[in-house]
């Protein structure tokens, strides 16, 4: 119900600050499959709004903190994959 209105999560629709936080967190951590599901559910108008928010967040992070969100996203995906491949049974 939230995606056609340009929100990535229902919680993100609760207030503007949460919207930006959810856009950022989801952009960094969601899989391509999760993004495809969101895009399908958002429709053209909702997806356009979400893309605009991602652009704003990327610019803010780059200009204010010199953080490239696309690079950070790749690193998080790589590290998540590395962690999921670990055999942690021997630790416990």
N, C-alpha and C. Protein backbone atom coordinates (compact mmCIF):
# COMPACT_ATOMS: atom_id res chain seq x y z
N UNK A 1 0.81 -1.21 0.00
CA UNK A 1 0.00 0.00 0.00
C UNK A 1 0.85 1.27 0.00
N UNK A 2 2.08 1.19 0.40
CA UNK A 2 2.93 2.37 0.54
C UNK A 2 3.75 2.67 -0.72
N UNK A 3 4.16 1.68 -1.45
CA UNK A 3 5.05 1.88 -2.61
C UNK A 3 4.45 2.78 -3.69
N UNK A 4 3.17 2.66 -4.03
CA UNK A 4 2.62 3.56 -5.06
C UNK A 4 2.67 5.04 -4.67
N UNK A 5 2.86 5.29 -3.38
CA UNK A 5 2.95 6.67 -2.90
C UNK A 5 4.40 7.14 -2.78
N UNK A 6 5.34 6.29 -3.19
CA UNK A 6 6.74 6.68 -3.19
C UNK A 6 7.51 6.36 -1.93
N UNK A 7 7.04 5.40 -1.16
CA UNK A 7 7.73 5.00 0.07
C UNK A 7 8.30 3.60 -0.10
N UNK A 8 9.47 3.35 0.48
CA UNK A 8 10.09 2.03 0.36
C UNK A 8 9.57 1.06 1.41
N UNK A 9 9.10 1.57 2.54
CA UNK A 9 8.50 0.74 3.59
C UNK A 9 7.31 1.48 4.18
N UNK A 10 6.46 0.72 4.85
CA UNK A 10 5.33 1.34 5.53
C UNK A 10 5.83 2.28 6.64
N UNK A 11 6.86 1.83 7.36
CA UNK A 11 7.42 2.67 8.43
C UNK A 11 7.96 3.98 7.87
N UNK A 12 8.55 3.93 6.69
CA UNK A 12 9.08 5.14 6.07
C UNK A 12 8.01 6.18 5.79
N UNK A 13 6.77 5.74 5.68
CA UNK A 13 5.69 6.70 5.40
C UNK A 13 5.20 7.41 6.66
N UNK A 14 5.78 7.06 7.82
CA UNK A 14 5.30 7.62 9.08
C UNK A 14 5.70 9.07 9.31
N UNK A 15 6.86 9.48 8.78
CA UNK A 15 7.29 10.88 8.88
C UNK A 15 8.49 11.09 7.97
N UNK A 16 8.77 12.34 7.58
CA UNK A 16 9.83 12.60 6.59
C UNK A 16 11.21 12.08 6.98
N UNK A 17 11.59 12.23 8.23
CA UNK A 17 12.91 11.77 8.66
C UNK A 17 13.04 10.26 8.54
N UNK A 18 11.98 9.56 8.87
CA UNK A 18 12.00 8.11 8.75
C UNK A 18 12.00 7.68 7.29
N UNK A 19 11.35 8.45 6.45
CA UNK A 19 11.33 8.15 5.02
C UNK A 19 12.75 8.15 4.46
N UNK A 20 13.50 9.20 4.75
CA UNK A 20 14.87 9.29 4.24
C UNK A 20 15.75 8.20 4.86
N UNK A 21 15.57 7.92 6.13
CA UNK A 21 16.35 6.86 6.78
C UNK A 21 16.06 5.51 6.14
N UNK A 22 14.80 5.23 5.87
CA UNK A 22 14.42 3.96 5.25
C UNK A 22 14.92 3.86 3.81
N UNK A 23 14.83 4.95 3.06
CA UNK A 23 15.35 4.95 1.69
C UNK A 23 16.84 4.62 1.72
N UNK A 24 17.57 5.26 2.61
CA UNK A 24 19.01 5.04 2.70
C UNK A 24 19.32 3.60 3.12
N UNK A 25 18.70 3.14 4.18
CA UNK A 25 18.97 1.79 4.69
C UNK A 25 18.60 0.72 3.66
N UNK A 26 17.45 0.88 3.04
CA UNK A 26 17.02 -0.12 2.05
C UNK A 26 17.90 -0.07 0.81
N UNK A 27 18.27 1.12 0.39
CA UNK A 27 19.15 1.23 -0.78
C UNK A 27 20.47 0.49 -0.53
N UNK A 28 20.97 0.61 0.67
CA UNK A 28 22.27 0.00 0.99
C UNK A 28 22.19 -1.50 1.21
N UNK A 29 21.07 -2.01 1.67
CA UNK A 29 21.05 -3.40 2.12
C UNK A 29 20.15 -4.34 1.33
N UNK A 30 19.21 -3.84 0.58
CA UNK A 30 18.30 -4.73 -0.14
C UNK A 30 18.98 -5.37 -1.33
N UNK A 31 18.52 -6.57 -1.65
CA UNK A 31 19.00 -7.29 -2.82
C UNK A 31 18.33 -6.74 -4.08
N UNK A 32 18.91 -7.02 -5.24
CA UNK A 32 18.25 -6.61 -6.49
C UNK A 32 16.83 -7.17 -6.61
N UNK A 33 16.62 -8.36 -6.08
CA UNK A 33 15.28 -8.96 -6.12
C UNK A 33 14.28 -8.17 -5.28
N UNK A 34 14.72 -7.70 -4.14
CA UNK A 34 13.84 -6.88 -3.29
C UNK A 34 13.50 -5.56 -3.98
N UNK A 35 14.48 -4.97 -4.66
CA UNK A 35 14.22 -3.73 -5.38
C UNK A 35 13.27 -3.96 -6.54
N UNK A 36 13.41 -5.09 -7.21
CA UNK A 36 12.52 -5.41 -8.33
C UNK A 36 11.08 -5.57 -7.84
N UNK A 37 10.91 -6.19 -6.68
CA UNK A 37 9.57 -6.33 -6.10
C UNK A 37 8.98 -4.96 -5.76
N UNK A 38 9.80 -4.10 -5.18
CA UNK A 38 9.33 -2.76 -4.84
C UNK A 38 8.94 -2.00 -6.10
N UNK A 39 9.78 -2.06 -7.11
CA UNK A 39 9.49 -1.36 -8.37
C UNK A 39 8.19 -1.85 -8.98
N UNK A 40 7.99 -3.15 -8.97
CA UNK A 40 6.75 -3.72 -9.53
C UNK A 40 5.53 -3.24 -8.76
N UNK A 41 5.66 -3.15 -7.45
CA UNK A 41 4.54 -2.72 -6.62
C UNK A 41 4.30 -1.23 -6.61
N UNK A 42 5.33 -0.46 -6.95
CA UNK A 42 5.23 1.00 -6.88
C UNK A 42 4.53 1.60 -8.08
N UNK A 43 4.64 0.96 -9.22
CA UNK A 43 4.10 1.56 -10.43
C UNK A 43 5.01 2.69 -10.88
N UNK A 44 4.71 3.25 -12.04
CA UNK A 44 5.58 4.29 -12.62
C UNK A 44 5.70 5.52 -11.73
N UNK A 45 4.59 5.99 -11.20
CA UNK A 45 4.63 7.22 -10.40
C UNK A 45 5.36 7.01 -9.07
N UNK A 46 5.02 5.94 -8.37
CA UNK A 46 5.68 5.65 -7.10
C UNK A 46 7.16 5.40 -7.27
N UNK A 47 7.52 4.65 -8.33
CA UNK A 47 8.93 4.34 -8.58
C UNK A 47 9.71 5.61 -8.90
N UNK A 48 9.10 6.52 -9.63
CA UNK A 48 9.75 7.79 -9.95
C UNK A 48 10.06 8.59 -8.69
N UNK A 49 9.13 8.60 -7.76
CA UNK A 49 9.33 9.31 -6.49
C UNK A 49 10.47 8.67 -5.69
N UNK A 50 10.48 7.35 -5.64
CA UNK A 50 11.53 6.63 -4.92
C UNK A 50 12.89 6.93 -5.54
N UNK A 51 12.97 6.91 -6.85
CA UNK A 51 14.23 7.20 -7.53
C UNK A 51 14.71 8.63 -7.24
N UNK A 52 13.78 9.57 -7.17
CA UNK A 52 14.14 10.95 -6.84
C UNK A 52 14.73 11.03 -5.43
N UNK A 53 14.14 10.30 -4.50
CA UNK A 53 14.65 10.30 -3.13
C UNK A 53 16.05 9.69 -3.06
N UNK A 54 16.27 8.61 -3.79
CA UNK A 54 17.59 7.98 -3.81
C UNK A 54 18.62 8.96 -4.37
N UNK A 55 18.27 9.67 -5.40
CA UNK A 55 19.17 10.67 -5.99
C UNK A 55 19.52 11.75 -4.97
N UNK A 56 18.53 12.21 -4.24
CA UNK A 56 18.75 13.24 -3.21
C UNK A 56 19.69 12.71 -2.12
N UNK A 57 19.44 11.49 -1.66
CA UNK A 57 20.27 10.90 -0.60
C UNK A 57 21.71 10.72 -1.08
N UNK A 58 21.88 10.22 -2.30
CA UNK A 58 23.23 10.05 -2.85
C UNK A 58 23.98 11.37 -2.90
N UNK A 59 23.32 12.40 -3.37
CA UNK A 59 23.95 13.73 -3.48
C UNK A 59 24.32 14.26 -2.10
N UNK A 60 23.40 14.15 -1.15
CA UNK A 60 23.66 14.63 0.20
C UNK A 60 24.87 13.90 0.81
N UNK A 61 24.88 12.59 0.71
CA UNK A 61 25.98 11.83 1.30
C UNK A 61 27.32 12.15 0.64
N UNK A 62 27.30 12.33 -0.66
CA UNK A 62 28.54 12.65 -1.39
C UNK A 62 29.01 14.07 -1.05
N UNK A 63 28.10 15.02 -1.10
CA UNK A 63 28.47 16.42 -0.86
C UNK A 63 28.81 16.71 0.60
N UNK A 64 28.09 16.10 1.52
CA UNK A 64 28.29 16.40 2.94
C UNK A 64 29.33 15.53 3.61
N UNK A 65 29.43 14.28 3.19
CA UNK A 65 30.28 13.33 3.91
C UNK A 65 31.31 12.64 3.02
N UNK A 66 31.32 12.98 1.73
CA UNK A 66 32.22 12.34 0.77
C UNK A 66 32.04 10.82 0.74
N UNK A 67 30.82 10.38 0.90
CA UNK A 67 30.48 8.96 0.88
C UNK A 67 29.76 8.66 -0.43
N UNK A 68 30.33 7.74 -1.19
CA UNK A 68 29.72 7.28 -2.43
C UNK A 68 28.81 6.11 -2.08
N UNK A 69 27.49 6.33 -2.10
CA UNK A 69 26.56 5.30 -1.68
C UNK A 69 26.59 4.08 -2.60
N UNK A 70 26.87 4.27 -3.87
CA UNK A 70 26.95 3.12 -4.77
C UNK A 70 28.13 2.23 -4.40
N UNK A 71 29.26 2.83 -4.09
CA UNK A 71 30.43 2.06 -3.66
C UNK A 71 30.15 1.37 -2.32
N UNK A 72 29.58 2.12 -1.38
CA UNK A 72 29.26 1.54 -0.08
C UNK A 72 28.29 0.38 -0.24
N UNK A 73 27.33 0.51 -1.11
CA UNK A 73 26.35 -0.56 -1.38
C UNK A 73 27.05 -1.82 -1.89
N UNK A 74 28.01 -1.65 -2.79
CA UNK A 74 28.76 -2.80 -3.32
C UNK A 74 29.56 -3.49 -2.22
N UNK A 75 30.18 -2.69 -1.36
CA UNK A 75 30.98 -3.26 -0.26
C UNK A 75 30.08 -4.02 0.71
N UNK A 76 28.94 -3.45 1.04
CA UNK A 76 28.00 -4.12 1.95
C UNK A 76 27.53 -5.43 1.35
N UNK A 77 27.20 -5.44 0.07
CA UNK A 77 26.75 -6.68 -0.59
C UNK A 77 27.85 -7.73 -0.58
N UNK A 78 29.08 -7.30 -0.86
CA UNK A 78 30.20 -8.23 -0.85
C UNK A 78 30.43 -8.81 0.53
N UNK A 79 30.45 -7.94 1.53
CA UNK A 79 30.71 -8.41 2.90
C UNK A 79 29.56 -9.28 3.41
N UNK A 80 28.34 -8.95 3.06
CA UNK A 80 27.20 -9.77 3.46
C UNK A 80 27.34 -11.16 2.87
N UNK A 81 27.74 -11.22 1.62
CA UNK A 81 27.95 -12.52 0.97
C UNK A 81 29.07 -13.29 1.65
N UNK A 82 30.14 -12.62 1.99
CA UNK A 82 31.26 -13.28 2.67
C UNK A 82 30.83 -13.84 4.02
N UNK A 83 30.06 -13.06 4.75
CA UNK A 83 29.61 -13.50 6.07
C UNK A 83 28.67 -14.69 5.94
N UNK A 84 27.78 -14.65 4.95
CA UNK A 84 26.82 -15.74 4.79
C UNK A 84 27.51 -17.04 4.40
N UNK A 85 28.71 -16.96 3.84
CA UNK A 85 29.45 -18.15 3.44
C UNK A 85 30.31 -18.73 4.57
N UNK A 86 30.43 -18.01 5.67
CA UNK A 86 31.24 -18.50 6.78
C UNK A 86 30.60 -19.69 7.45
N UNK A 87 31.41 -20.59 7.92
CA UNK A 87 30.94 -21.71 8.71
C UNK A 87 31.07 -21.29 10.18
N UNK A 88 29.99 -20.84 10.74
CA UNK A 88 30.03 -20.34 12.12
C UNK A 88 29.75 -21.41 13.15
N UNK A 89 29.45 -22.63 12.72
CA UNK A 89 29.13 -23.70 13.65
C UNK A 89 30.28 -23.99 14.62
N UNK A 90 31.51 -23.83 14.15
CA UNK A 90 32.64 -24.14 15.02
C UNK A 90 32.82 -23.13 16.15
N UNK A 91 32.19 -21.98 16.04
CA UNK A 91 32.31 -20.95 17.09
C UNK A 91 31.48 -21.33 18.30
N UNK A 92 30.38 -21.98 18.08
CA UNK A 92 29.48 -22.30 19.20
C UNK A 92 29.76 -23.66 19.65
